[in-house]
Amino acid sequence: MTFLSSCTTETIKNAALSLKNGHLVAFPTETVYGLGADASNPIAISRIYETKGRPSDHPLIVHIAALDAMGQWAQEIPEYAITLARDFWPGPMTLVLKRSDLAQDFITGGQETIGLRVPAHPVALALIQEFKAIGGKGIAAPSANRFGAVSPTTADAVEEELAPYLLAGDLILDGGQSLVGVESTIIDCTGPAPMILRLGAITPLMIEESTGMIALEANPSDIRVSGSMASHYSPKAKVILDVIAVAGDGLIAPDQIPTPNGVIRLAAPSTNEEYARVLYHALRSADQKGLQVVVVLQPGGDGLAAAIRDRLQRSASEGPHQVNS
């Protein structure tokens, strides 16, 4: 059965109807590909958890069409959250807010909060808007991968990983490679000031410049969110950080680092933006090549580099694989 589809206007209309009818639709965002379902349909949401092998107490992020939909899903929204939404939506930022009655336990993992995002990818926005036009209120979408695996940044990666678990009526929309490449920044907006729950492309400095408030990183947070487990984003190959690669190893490192003899170069990014964009594809290619070890030289600095290091340190953890989104 073929699930992969190009993104014509007709395809997006059909995908929105599939969501309305309780099916799953994987779709591109600027961060990674998401596995979407009708956020108000508990049976459809249960299929996300089943397909991913995701623990049912892990909340899902609801993707909405615009800032004005926040009030459907959240209440007691602070002014700084509205400021962040105005400045960075559509974009790679998720806001965690106090939930409304619409946000039920099957979406929130039993918590009193809801994560909301307006993605920047044109296919994602077109799908959400078409879904809204036929009565949908939001699309719940964690990353389109199995429990603990590396997030997909192409439609082919989604199909390779999830096709055995999809059913007739489910779809994968092909919108090209994700441009950011790491998951959205998650910001807790339930307190007097923003608190970062997951690092991403929207950096602490950007948050401070937007709100005039210093955004601290939660450690730990009482709110469960995607991507917060110690072991995460893990390929089958063993990831080792900041050592010298030897023959037979894979290597991900900045382009100024030479490739030792016998080492398989997986990526040589020249900027942090490129590093984030190619990271997950490179980790997946290690498994496709059957490598046992991937050596990764981490980027230095703040901002996006810190988000990359966060993903790499979880990927290299020896703990049990956990879910990402």
C-alpha atoms as a PDB file:
ATOM      1  CA  MET A   1       0.000   0.000   0.000  1.00  0.00           C
ATOM      2  CA  THR A   2       1.310   3.483  -0.903  1.00  0.00           C
ATOM      3  CA  PHE A   3       0.897   6.214   1.698  1.00  0.00           C
ATOM      4  CA  LEU A   4       3.248   8.859   0.306  1.00  0.00           C
ATOM      5  CA  SER A   5       1.632  11.691  -1.640  1.00  0.00           C
ATOM      6  CA  SER A   6       2.724  14.931  -3.283  1.00  0.00           C
ATOM      7  CA  CYS A   7       1.135  18.119  -1.967  1.00  0.00           C
ATOM      8  CA  THR A   8      -1.376  19.376  -4.496  1.00  0.00           C
ATOM      9  CA  THR A   9      -4.395  21.426  -3.462  1.00  0.00           C
ATOM     10  CA  GLU A  10      -6.584  18.382  -4.011  1.00  0.00           C
ATOM     11  CA  THR A  11      -4.288  16.204  -1.911  1.00  0.00           C
ATOM     12  CA  ILE A  12      -4.431  18.657   0.987  1.00  0.00           C
ATOM     13  CA  LYS A  13      -8.236  18.748   0.797  1.00  0.00           C
ATOM     14  CA  ASN A  14      -8.312  14.944   0.860  1.00  0.00           C
ATOM     15  CA  ALA A  15      -5.847  14.892   3.760  1.00  0.00           C
ATOM     16  CA  ALA A  16      -8.045  17.250   5.768  1.00  0.00           C
ATOM     17  CA  LEU A  17     -11.027  14.973   5.130  1.00  0.00           C
ATOM     18  CA  SER A  18      -8.950  11.975   6.186  1.00  0.00           C
ATOM     19  CA  LEU A  19      -8.192  13.720   9.481  1.00  0.00           C
ATOM     20  CA  LYS A  20     -11.865  14.551   9.951  1.00  0.00           C
ATOM     21  CA  ASN A  21     -12.698  10.881   9.364  1.00  0.00           C
ATOM     22  CA  GLY A  22     -10.311   9.742  12.078  1.00  0.00           C
ATOM     23  CA  HIS A  23      -7.268   8.805   9.990  1.00  0.00           C
ATOM     24  CA  LEU A  24      -3.638   9.789  10.532  1.00  0.00           C
ATOM     25  CA  VAL A  25      -1.800  12.214   8.258  1.00  0.00           C
ATOM     26  CA  ALA A  26       1.962  12.717   8.489  1.00  0.00           C
ATOM     27  CA  PHE A  27       2.907  16.177   7.262  1.00  0.00           C
ATOM     28  CA  PRO A  28       5.963  18.411   7.006  1.00  0.00           C
ATOM     29  CA  THR A  29       6.722  21.270   9.349  1.00  0.00           C
ATOM     30  CA  GLU A  30       9.744  23.529   9.345  1.00  0.00           C
ATOM     31  CA  THR A  31      11.151  21.599  12.345  1.00  0.00           C
ATOM     32  CA  VAL A  32      10.488  17.892  11.660  1.00  0.00           C
ATOM     33  CA  TYR A  33       7.652  15.848  10.162  1.00  0.00           C
ATOM     34  CA  GLY A  34       4.622  15.391  12.415  1.00  0.00           C
ATOM     35  CA  LEU A  35       2.130  12.548  12.725  1.00  0.00           C
ATOM     36  CA  GLY A  36      -1.232  14.288  12.799  1.00  0.00           C
ATOM     37  CA  ALA A  37      -4.719  13.420  14.014  1.00  0.00           C
ATOM     38  CA  ASP A  38      -7.874  15.328  14.886  1.00  0.00           C
ATOM     39  CA  ALA A  39      -7.044  16.824  18.285  1.00  0.00           C
ATOM     40  CA  SER A  40     -10.655  16.522  19.443  1.00  0.00           C
ATOM     41  CA  ASN A  41     -11.083  12.847  18.465  1.00  0.00           C
ATOM     42  CA  PRO A  42      -9.976  10.476  21.255  1.00  0.00           C
ATOM     43  CA  ILE A  43     -10.032   7.385  19.012  1.00  0.00           C
ATOM     44  CA  ALA A  44      -7.833   9.065  16.392  1.00  0.00           C
ATOM     45  CA  ILE A  45      -5.471  10.301  19.114  1.00  0.00           C
ATOM     46  CA  SER A  46      -5.194   6.780  20.508  1.00  0.00           C
ATOM     47  CA  ARG A  47      -3.937   5.689  17.087  1.00  0.00           C
ATOM     48  CA  ILE A  48      -1.070   8.186  17.317  1.00  0.00           C
ATOM     49  CA  TYR A  49       0.057   6.585  20.565  1.00  0.00           C
ATOM     50  CA  GLU A  50      -0.356   3.092  19.128  1.00  0.00           C
ATOM     51  CA  THR A  51       1.457   3.887  15.885  1.00  0.00           C
ATOM     52  CA  LYS A  52       4.370   5.557  17.642  1.00  0.00           C
ATOM     53  CA  GLY A  53       4.482   3.197  20.614  1.00  0.00           C
ATOM     54  CA  ARG A  54       4.278   6.335  22.755  1.00  0.00           C
ATOM     55  CA  PRO A  55       3.359   6.285  26.484  1.00  0.00           C
ATOM     56  CA  SER A  56      -0.205   7.558  26.906  1.00  0.00           C
ATOM     57  CA  ASP A  57       0.733   9.999  29.667  1.00  0.00           C
ATOM     58  CA  HIS A  58       2.943  12.022  27.296  1.00  0.00           C
ATOM     59  CA  PRO A  59       1.088  15.121  26.080  1.00  0.00           C
ATOM     60  CA  LEU A  60       0.700  16.037  22.434  1.00  0.00           C
ATOM     61  CA  ILE A  61       1.239  19.439  20.844  1.00  0.00           C
ATOM     62  CA  VAL A  62      -1.824  20.849  19.083  1.00  0.00           C
ATOM     63  CA  HIS A  63      -1.097  22.648  15.813  1.00  0.00           C
ATOM     64  CA  ILE A  64      -3.471  25.548  15.161  1.00  0.00           C
ATOM     65  CA  ALA A  65      -3.995  27.912  12.240  1.00  0.00           C
ATOM     66  CA  ALA A  66      -3.281  31.252  13.931  1.00  0.00           C
ATOM     67  CA  LEU A  67      -2.901  33.123  17.200  1.00  0.00           C
ATOM     68  CA  ASP A  68      -6.634  33.762  17.431  1.00  0.00           C
ATOM     69  CA  ALA A  69      -7.261  30.020  17.980  1.00  0.00           C
ATOM     70  CA  MET A  70      -5.313  30.041  21.276  1.00  0.00           C
ATOM     71  CA  GLY A  71      -8.453  30.934  23.220  1.00  0.00           C
ATOM     72  CA  GLN A  72     -10.215  27.747  22.121  1.00  0.00           C
ATOM     73  CA  TRP A  73      -7.557  25.529  23.665  1.00  0.00           C
ATOM     74  CA  ALA A  74      -6.167  27.651  26.518  1.00  0.00           C
ATOM     75  CA  GLN A  75      -7.287  30.022  29.245  1.00  0.00           C
ATOM     76  CA  GLU A  76      -5.668  32.646  31.493  1.00  0.00           C
ATOM     77  CA  ILE A  77      -3.214  33.451  28.692  1.00  0.00           C
ATOM     78  CA  PRO A  78      -0.561  35.909  29.950  1.00  0.00           C
ATOM     79  CA  GLU A  79       0.314  38.986  27.931  1.00  0.00           C
ATOM     80  CA  TYR A  80       3.891  37.813  27.380  1.00  0.00           C
ATOM     81  CA  ALA A  81       2.574  34.622  25.728  1.00  0.00           C
ATOM     82  CA  ILE A  82       0.555  36.726  23.290  1.00  0.00           C
ATOM     83  CA  THR A  83       3.672  38.797  22.600  1.00  0.00           C
ATOM     84  CA  LEU A  84       5.683  35.640  21.869  1.00  0.00           C
ATOM     85  CA  ALA A  85       2.941  34.326  19.578  1.00  0.00           C
ATOM     86  CA  ARG A  86       2.827  37.594  17.661  1.00  0.00           C
ATOM     87  CA  ASP A  87       6.593  37.657  17.260  1.00  0.00           C
ATOM     88  CA  PHE A  88       7.337  34.005  16.451  1.00  0.00           C
ATOM     89  CA  TRP A  89       4.199  32.403  14.977  1.00  0.00           C
ATOM     90  CA  PRO A  90       4.135  30.891  12.462  1.00  0.00           C
ATOM     91  CA  GLY A  91       7.419  29.384  13.557  1.00  0.00           C
ATOM     92  CA  PRO A  92       9.336  26.775  15.571  1.00  0.00           C
ATOM     93  CA  MET A  93       7.878  27.616  18.992  1.00  0.00           C
ATOM     94  CA  THR A  94       5.393  25.766  21.225  1.00  0.00           C
ATOM     95  CA  LEU A  95       3.658  27.604  24.061  1.00  0.00           C
ATOM     96  CA  VAL A  96       2.470  25.623  27.101  1.00  0.00           C
ATOM     97  CA  LEU A  97      -0.620  27.227  28.636  1.00  0.00           C
ATOM     98  CA  LYS A  98      -3.362  26.418  31.095  1.00  0.00           C
ATOM     99  CA  ARG A  99      -5.829  24.233  29.235  1.00  0.00           C
ATOM    100  CA  SER A 100      -9.438  25.029  28.385  1.00  0.00           C
ATOM    101  CA  ASP A 101     -12.306  22.547  28.516  1.00  0.00           C
ATOM    102  CA  LEU A 102     -11.631  21.654  24.871  1.00  0.00           C
ATOM    103  CA  ALA A 103      -8.216  20.240  25.796  1.00  0.00           C
ATOM    104  CA  GLN A 104      -9.067  16.865  27.275  1.00  0.00           C
ATOM    105  CA  ASP A 105      -6.864  14.382  29.151  1.00  0.00           C
ATOM    106  CA  PHE A 106      -6.265  12.287  26.028  1.00  0.00           C
ATOM    107  CA  ILE A 107      -4.374  15.264  24.544  1.00  0.00           C
ATOM    108  CA  THR A 108      -2.718  16.644  27.680  1.00  0.00           C
ATOM    109  CA  GLY A 109      -1.533  13.369  29.191  1.00  0.00           C
ATOM    110  CA  GLY A 110      -3.715  14.137  32.216  1.00  0.00           C
ATOM    111  CA  GLN A 111      -2.000  17.456  32.887  1.00  0.00           C
ATOM    112  CA  GLU A 112      -3.723  20.807  33.345  1.00  0.00           C
ATOM    113  CA  THR A 113      -1.728  22.359  30.496  1.00  0.00           C
ATOM    114  CA  ILE A 114      -1.794  22.282  26.696  1.00  0.00           C
ATOM    115  CA  GLY A 115       1.000  22.841  24.170  1.00  0.00           C
ATOM    116  CA  LEU A 116       0.090  24.956  21.128  1.00  0.00           C
ATOM    117  CA  ARG A 117       1.993  25.802  17.954  1.00  0.00           C
ATOM    118  CA  VAL A 118       1.459  27.487  14.583  1.00  0.00           C
ATOM    119  CA  PRO A 119       3.957  25.860  12.193  1.00  0.00           C
ATOM    120  CA  ALA A 120       5.630  27.877   9.444  1.00  0.00           C
ATOM    121  CA  HIS A 121       5.714  25.250   6.687  1.00  0.00           C
ATOM    122  CA  PRO A 122       3.260  26.170   3.880  1.00  0.00           C
ATOM    123  CA  VAL A 123       1.978  22.598   3.570  1.00  0.00           C
ATOM    124  CA  ALA A 124       1.334  22.355   7.313  1.00  0.00           C
ATOM    125  CA  LEU A 125      -0.480  25.693   7.340  1.00  0.00           C
ATOM    126  CA  ALA A 126      -2.552  24.776   4.281  1.00  0.00           C
ATOM    127  CA  LEU A 127      -3.557  21.482   5.900  1.00  0.00           C
ATOM    128  CA  ILE A 128      -4.498  23.113   9.216  1.00  0.00           C
ATOM    129  CA  GLN A 129      -6.490  25.841   7.464  1.00  0.00           C
ATOM    130  CA  GLU A 130      -8.311  23.327   5.265  1.00  0.00           C
ATOM    131  CA  PHE A 131      -9.057  21.206   8.339  1.00  0.00           C
ATOM    132  CA  LYS A 132     -10.407  24.307  10.085  1.00  0.00           C
ATOM    133  CA  ALA A 133     -12.604  25.079   7.061  1.00  0.00           C
ATOM    134  CA  ILE A 134     -14.398  21.734   7.467  1.00  0.00           C
ATOM    135  CA  GLY A 135     -14.897  22.142  11.213  1.00  0.00           C
ATOM    136  CA  GLY A 136     -11.611  20.934  12.683  1.00  0.00           C
ATOM    137  CA  LYS A 137     -10.271  22.760  15.725  1.00  0.00           C
ATOM    138  CA  GLY A 138      -6.645  21.647  15.674  1.00  0.00           C
ATOM    139  CA  ILE A 139      -4.261  18.896  14.632  1.00  0.00           C
ATOM    140  CA  ALA A 140      -2.356  17.009  17.314  1.00  0.00           C
ATOM    141  CA  ALA A 141       1.033  16.036  15.929  1.00  0.00           C
ATOM    142  CA  PRO A 142       4.090  14.606  17.664  1.00  0.00           C
ATOM    143  CA  SER A 143       7.072  13.734  15.487  1.00  0.00           C
ATOM    144  CA  ALA A 144       6.352  11.054  12.889  1.00  0.00           C
ATOM    145  CA  ASN A 145       8.680   8.361  14.222  1.00  0.00           C
ATOM    146  CA  ARG A 146       8.538   5.340  16.473  1.00  0.00           C
ATOM    147  CA  PHE A 147       9.146   5.608  20.200  1.00  0.00           C
ATOM    148  CA  GLY A 148      12.664   6.822  20.934  1.00  0.00           C
ATOM    149  CA  ALA A 149      13.841   6.904  17.324  1.00  0.00           C
ATOM    150  CA  VAL A 150      15.376   9.815  15.452  1.00  0.00           C
ATOM    151  CA  SER A 151      12.826  12.375  14.271  1.00  0.00           C
ATOM    152  CA  PRO A 152      12.207  12.338  10.493  1.00  0.00           C
ATOM    153  CA  THR A 153      12.979  15.391   8.377  1.00  0.00           C
ATOM    154  CA  THR A 154      11.810  13.936   5.038  1.00  0.00           C
ATOM    155  CA  ALA A 155       8.688  12.123   3.883  1.00  0.00           C
ATOM    156  CA  ASP A 156      10.786   9.141   2.812  1.00  0.00           C
ATOM    157  CA  ALA A 157      12.076   8.788   6.379  1.00  0.00           C
ATOM    158  CA  VAL A 158       8.482   8.795   7.656  1.00  0.00           C
ATOM    159  CA  GLU A 159       7.443   6.122   5.165  1.00  0.00           C
ATOM    160  CA  GLU A 160      10.479   3.982   5.943  1.00  0.00           C
ATOM    161  CA  GLU A 161       9.712   4.036   9.659  1.00  0.00           C
ATOM    162  CA  LEU A 162       5.922   4.153   9.924  1.00  0.00           C
ATOM    163  CA  ALA A 163       4.486   2.505   6.803  1.00  0.00           C
ATOM    164  CA  PRO A 164       4.217  -0.909   8.546  1.00  0.00           C
ATOM    165  CA  TYR A 165       2.019   0.696  11.224  1.00  0.00           C
ATOM    166  CA  LEU A 166      -0.260   2.816   9.038  1.00  0.00           C
ATOM    167  CA  LEU A 167      -3.704   1.775   7.852  1.00  0.00           C
ATOM    168  CA  ALA A 168      -5.809   2.334   4.749  1.00  0.00           C
ATOM    169  CA  GLY A 169      -6.883   5.970   4.689  1.00  0.00           C
ATOM    170  CA  ASP A 170      -3.717   7.232   6.400  1.00  0.00           C
ATOM    171  CA  LEU A 171      -1.455   9.551   4.390  1.00  0.00           C
ATOM    172  CA  ILE A 172       2.080  10.944   4.297  1.00  0.00           C
ATOM    173  CA  LEU A 173       2.352  14.368   2.669  1.00  0.00           C
ATOM    174  CA  ASP A 174       5.685  15.063   0.990  1.00  0.00           C
ATOM    175  CA  GLY A 175       6.735  18.676   1.482  1.00  0.00           C
ATOM    176  CA  GLY A 176      10.471  18.289   1.035  1.00  0.00           C
ATOM    177  CA  GLN A 177      13.148  18.404   3.714  1.00  0.00           C
ATOM    178  CA  SER A 178      12.410  20.255   6.959  1.00  0.00           C
ATOM    179  CA  LEU A 179      14.427  23.476   6.986  1.00  0.00           C
ATOM    180  CA  VAL A 180      15.070  23.847  10.739  1.00  0.00           C
ATOM    181  CA  GLY A 181      15.690  20.178  11.485  1.00  0.00           C
ATOM    182  CA  VAL A 182      15.285  20.131  15.283  1.00  0.00           C
ATOM    183  CA  GLU A 183      12.044  20.238  17.214  1.00  0.00           C
ATOM    184  CA  SER A 184      10.356  23.435  18.357  1.00  0.00           C
ATOM    185  CA  THR A 185      11.368  25.438  21.405  1.00  0.00           C
ATOM    186  CA  ILE A 186       8.836  24.685  24.160  1.00  0.00           C
ATOM    187  CA  ILE A 187       8.068  27.549  26.536  1.00  0.00           C
ATOM    188  CA  ASP A 188       6.056  27.210  29.756  1.00  0.00           C
ATOM    189  CA  CYS A 189       3.729  30.222  29.913  1.00  0.00           C
ATOM    190  CA  THR A 190       1.822  29.236  33.047  1.00  0.00           C
ATOM    191  CA  GLY A 191       3.959  31.308  35.433  1.00  0.00           C
ATOM    192  CA  PRO A 192       4.862  34.986  35.833  1.00  0.00           C
ATOM    193  CA  ALA A 193       7.685  34.704  33.254  1.00  0.00           C
ATOM    194  CA  PRO A 194       8.518  32.374  30.362  1.00  0.00           C
ATOM    195  CA  MET A 195      10.334  29.152  31.246  1.00  0.00           C
ATOM    196  CA  ILE A 196      12.092  27.094  28.571  1.00  0.00           C
ATOM    197  CA  LEU A 197      11.141  23.407  28.726  1.00  0.00           C
ATOM    198  CA  ARG A 198      12.923  22.379  25.506  1.00  0.00           C
ATOM    199  CA  LEU A 199      15.601  24.258  23.593  1.00  0.00           C
ATOM    200  CA  GLY A 200      15.134  24.988  19.912  1.00  0.00           C
ATOM    201  CA  ALA A 201      15.571  27.579  17.185  1.00  0.00           C
ATOM    202  CA  ILE A 202      13.750  30.254  19.204  1.00  0.00           C
ATOM    203  CA  THR A 203      16.575  31.047  21.616  1.00  0.00           C
ATOM    204  CA  PRO A 204      16.621  32.489  25.149  1.00  0.00           C
ATOM    205  CA  LEU A 205      17.981  35.758  23.773  1.00  0.00           C
ATOM    206  CA  MET A 206      15.155  35.991  21.239  1.00  0.00           C
ATOM    207  CA  ILE A 207      12.597  35.368  23.990  1.00  0.00           C
ATOM    208  CA  GLU A 208      14.155  38.066  26.164  1.00  0.00           C
ATOM    209  CA  GLU A 209      14.223  40.558  23.313  1.00  0.00           C
ATOM    210  CA  SER A 210      10.553  39.815  22.575  1.00  0.00           C
ATOM    211  CA  THR A 211       9.148  39.945  26.103  1.00  0.00           C
ATOM    212  CA  GLY A 212      11.682  41.945  28.089  1.00  0.00           C
ATOM    213  CA  MET A 213      11.851  38.962  30.457  1.00  0.00           C
ATOM    214  CA  ILE A 214      14.757  36.610  31.093  1.00  0.00           C
ATOM    215  CA  ALA A 215      13.725  33.101  30.075  1.00  0.00           C
ATOM    216  CA  LEU A 216      15.202  30.492  32.388  1.00  0.00           C
ATOM    217  CA  GLU A 217      15.598  26.842  31.441  1.00  0.00           C
ATOM    218  CA  ALA A 218      13.512  24.521  33.609  1.00  0.00           C
ATOM    219  CA  ASN A 219      15.593  21.929  35.477  1.00  0.00           C
ATOM    220  CA  PRO A 220      13.558  19.903  36.049  1.00  0.00           C
ATOM    221  CA  SER A 221      10.020  20.929  35.116  1.00  0.00           C
ATOM    222  CA  ASP A 222       6.846  19.690  36.752  1.00  0.00           C
ATOM    223  CA  ILE A 223       5.281  19.744  33.293  1.00  0.00           C
ATOM    224  CA  ARG A 224       5.859  16.694  31.085  1.00  0.00           C
ATOM    225  CA  VAL A 225       6.757  17.677  27.534  1.00  0.00           C
ATOM    226  CA  SER A 226       8.122  15.952  24.464  1.00  0.00           C
ATOM    227  CA  GLY A 227      11.871  15.616  24.247  1.00  0.00           C
ATOM    228  CA  SER A 228      12.585  15.970  27.963  1.00  0.00           C
ATOM    229  CA  MET A 229      13.727  12.431  28.744  1.00  0.00           C
ATOM    230  CA  ALA A 230      17.393  11.702  29.406  1.00  0.00           C
ATOM    231  CA  SER A 231      17.599   9.215  26.532  1.00  0.00           C
ATOM    232  CA  HIS A 232      16.096  10.389  23.279  1.00  0.00           C
ATOM    233  CA  TYR A 233      16.537  10.971  19.526  1.00  0.00           C
ATOM    234  CA  SER A 234      18.549   7.748  19.303  1.00  0.00           C
ATOM    235  CA  PRO A 235      19.618   5.800  16.203  1.00  0.00           C
ATOM    236  CA  LYS A 236      20.456   2.108  16.432  1.00  0.00           C
ATOM    237  CA  ALA A 237      24.139   3.022  16.166  1.00  0.00           C
ATOM    238  CA  LYS A 238      25.922   4.060  19.351  1.00  0.00           C
ATOM    239  CA  VAL A 239      26.471   7.827  19.484  1.00  0.00           C
ATOM    240  CA  ILE A 240      29.725   8.987  21.104  1.00  0.00           C
ATOM    241  CA  LEU A 241      30.445  12.671  21.598  1.00  0.00           C
ATOM    242  CA  ASP A 242      33.661  14.639  21.173  1.00  0.00           C
ATOM    243  CA  VAL A 243      36.213  11.865  20.690  1.00  0.00           C
ATOM    244  CA  ILE A 244      38.508  11.006  17.773  1.00  0.00           C
ATOM    245  CA  ALA A 245      36.778   8.783  15.221  1.00  0.00           C
ATOM    246  CA  VAL A 246      38.574   5.615  14.132  1.00  0.00           C
ATOM    247  CA  ALA A 247      38.273   3.498  10.991  1.00  0.00           C
ATOM    248  CA  GLY A 248      34.758   2.099  10.591  1.00  0.00           C
ATOM    249  CA  ASP A 249      33.081   4.845  12.621  1.00  0.00           C
ATOM    250  CA  GLY A 250      30.665   7.362  11.203  1.00  0.00           C
ATOM    251  CA  LEU A 251      31.488  11.031  11.734  1.00  0.00           C
ATOM    252  CA  ILE A 252      29.332  14.141  12.078  1.00  0.00           C
ATOM    253  CA  ALA A 253      31.463  17.244  12.567  1.00  0.00           C
ATOM    254  CA  PRO A 254      31.828  20.849  11.401  1.00  0.00           C
ATOM    255  CA  ASP A 255      33.294  21.165   7.920  1.00  0.00           C
ATOM    256  CA  GLN A 256      36.675  22.436   9.140  1.00  0.00           C
ATOM    257  CA  ILE A 257      37.297  19.089  10.871  1.00  0.00           C
ATOM    258  CA  PRO A 258      39.050  16.638   8.497  1.00  0.00           C
ATOM    259  CA  THR A 259      37.833  13.063   8.072  1.00  0.00           C
ATOM    260  CA  PRO A 260      40.335  10.485   9.434  1.00  0.00           C
ATOM    261  CA  ASN A 261      41.318   7.583   7.201  1.00  0.00           C
ATOM    262  CA  GLY A 262      38.701   4.842   7.097  1.00  0.00           C
ATOM    263  CA  VAL A 263      36.006   6.980   8.757  1.00  0.00           C
ATOM    264  CA  ILE A 264      32.639   7.402   7.013  1.00  0.00           C
ATOM    265  CA  ARG A 265      31.706  11.070   6.865  1.00  0.00           C
ATOM    266  CA  LEU A 266      27.979  11.488   7.484  1.00  0.00           C
ATOM    267  CA  ALA A 267      27.767  15.296   7.599  1.00  0.00           C
ATOM    268  CA  ALA A 268      30.085  18.301   7.458  1.00  0.00           C
ATOM    269  CA  PRO A 269      27.933  21.357   8.263  1.00  0.00           C
ATOM    270  CA  SER A 270      29.453  24.824   7.886  1.00  0.00           C
ATOM    271  CA  THR A 271      26.977  26.687  10.137  1.00  0.00           C
ATOM    272  CA  ASN A 272      24.841  25.871  13.176  1.00  0.00           C
ATOM    273  CA  GLU A 273      21.741  26.264  11.011  1.00  0.00           C
ATOM    274  CA  GLU A 274      23.055  23.665   8.585  1.00  0.00           C
ATOM    275  CA  TYR A 275      24.116  21.449  11.507  1.00  0.00           C
ATOM    276  CA  ALA A 276      20.559  21.399  12.862  1.00  0.00           C
ATOM    277  CA  ARG A 277      19.073  20.830   9.425  1.00  0.00           C
ATOM    278  CA  VAL A 278      21.216  17.796   8.542  1.00  0.00           C
ATOM    279  CA  LEU A 279      21.682  16.215  11.981  1.00  0.00           C
ATOM    280  CA  TYR A 280      18.776  13.779  12.044  1.00  0.00           C
ATOM    281  CA  HIS A 281      19.250  12.772   8.406  1.00  0.00           C
ATOM    282  CA  ALA A 282      22.901  12.009   9.175  1.00  0.00           C
ATOM    283  CA  LEU A 283      21.986   9.906  12.226  1.00  0.00           C
ATOM    284  CA  ARG A 284      19.456   7.972  10.163  1.00  0.00           C
ATOM    285  CA  SER A 285      21.988   7.409   7.391  1.00  0.00           C
ATOM    286  CA  ALA A 286      24.304   5.772   9.935  1.00  0.00           C
ATOM    287  CA  ASP A 287      21.698   3.071  10.472  1.00  0.00           C
ATOM    288  CA  GLN A 288      21.080   2.718   6.743  1.00  0.00           C
ATOM    289  CA  LYS A 289      24.808   2.103   6.291  1.00  0.00           C
ATOM    290  CA  GLY A 290      24.833  -0.431   9.137  1.00  0.00           C
ATOM    291  CA  LEU A 291      27.338   1.504  11.236  1.00  0.00           C
ATOM    292  CA  GLN A 292      27.873   0.505  14.845  1.00  0.00           C
ATOM    293  CA  VAL A 293      29.336   3.802  16.101  1.00  0.00           C
ATOM    294  CA  VAL A 294      28.765   7.436  15.203  1.00  0.00           C
ATOM    295  CA  VAL A 295      31.209  10.003  16.543  1.00  0.00           C
ATOM    296  CA  VAL A 296      29.779  13.503  16.769  1.00  0.00           C
ATOM    297  CA  LEU A 297      31.765  16.673  17.417  1.00  0.00           C
ATOM    298  CA  GLN A 298      29.363  19.110  19.030  1.00  0.00           C
ATOM    299  CA  PRO A 299      29.094  22.775  18.050  1.00  0.00           C
ATOM    300  CA  GLY A 300      30.080  25.372  20.620  1.00  0.00           C
ATOM    301  CA  GLY A 301      28.217  28.511  21.610  1.00  0.00           C
ATOM    302  CA  ASP A 302      24.729  29.546  22.676  1.00  0.00           C
ATOM    303  CA  GLY A 303      21.414  29.722  20.868  1.00  0.00           C
ATOM    304  CA  LEU A 304      20.789  27.039  18.274  1.00  0.00           C
ATOM    305  CA  ALA A 305      24.110  25.361  19.142  1.00  0.00           C
ATOM    306  CA  ALA A 306      22.778  24.702  22.648  1.00  0.00           C
ATOM    307  CA  ALA A 307      19.658  23.069  21.184  1.00  0.00           C
ATOM    308  CA  ILE A 308      21.833  20.851  18.985  1.00  0.00           C
ATOM    309  CA  ARG A 309      23.925  19.801  21.969  1.00  0.00           C
ATOM    310  CA  ASP A 310      20.743  19.036  23.928  1.00  0.00           C
ATOM    311  CA  ARG A 311      19.591  16.614  21.203  1.00  0.00           C
ATOM    312  CA  LEU A 312      23.036  15.040  20.885  1.00  0.00           C
ATOM    313  CA  GLN A 313      23.482  14.473  24.598  1.00  0.00           C
ATOM    314  CA  ARG A 314      20.110  12.727  24.791  1.00  0.00           C
ATOM    315  CA  SER A 315      20.937  10.718  21.671  1.00  0.00           C
ATOM    316  CA  ALA A 316      24.191   9.563  23.283  1.00  0.00           C
ATOM    317  CA  SER A 317      22.567   8.635  26.605  1.00  0.00           C
ATOM    318  CA  GLU A 318      22.772   5.017  27.713  1.00  0.00           C
ATOM    319  CA  GLY A 319      19.275   5.095  29.225  1.00  0.00           C
ATOM    320  CA  PRO A 320      16.158   3.529  27.693  1.00  0.00           C
ATOM    321  CA  HIS A 321      14.844   5.195  24.547  1.00  0.00           C
ATOM    322  CA  GLN A 322      12.152   7.723  25.147  1.00  0.00           C
ATOM    323  CA  VAL A 323       9.632   9.519  22.998  1.00  0.00           C
ATOM    324  CA  ASN A 324      10.226  12.698  21.056  1.00  0.00           C
ATOM    325  CA  SER A 325       8.044  15.081  19.215  1.00  0.00           C
END
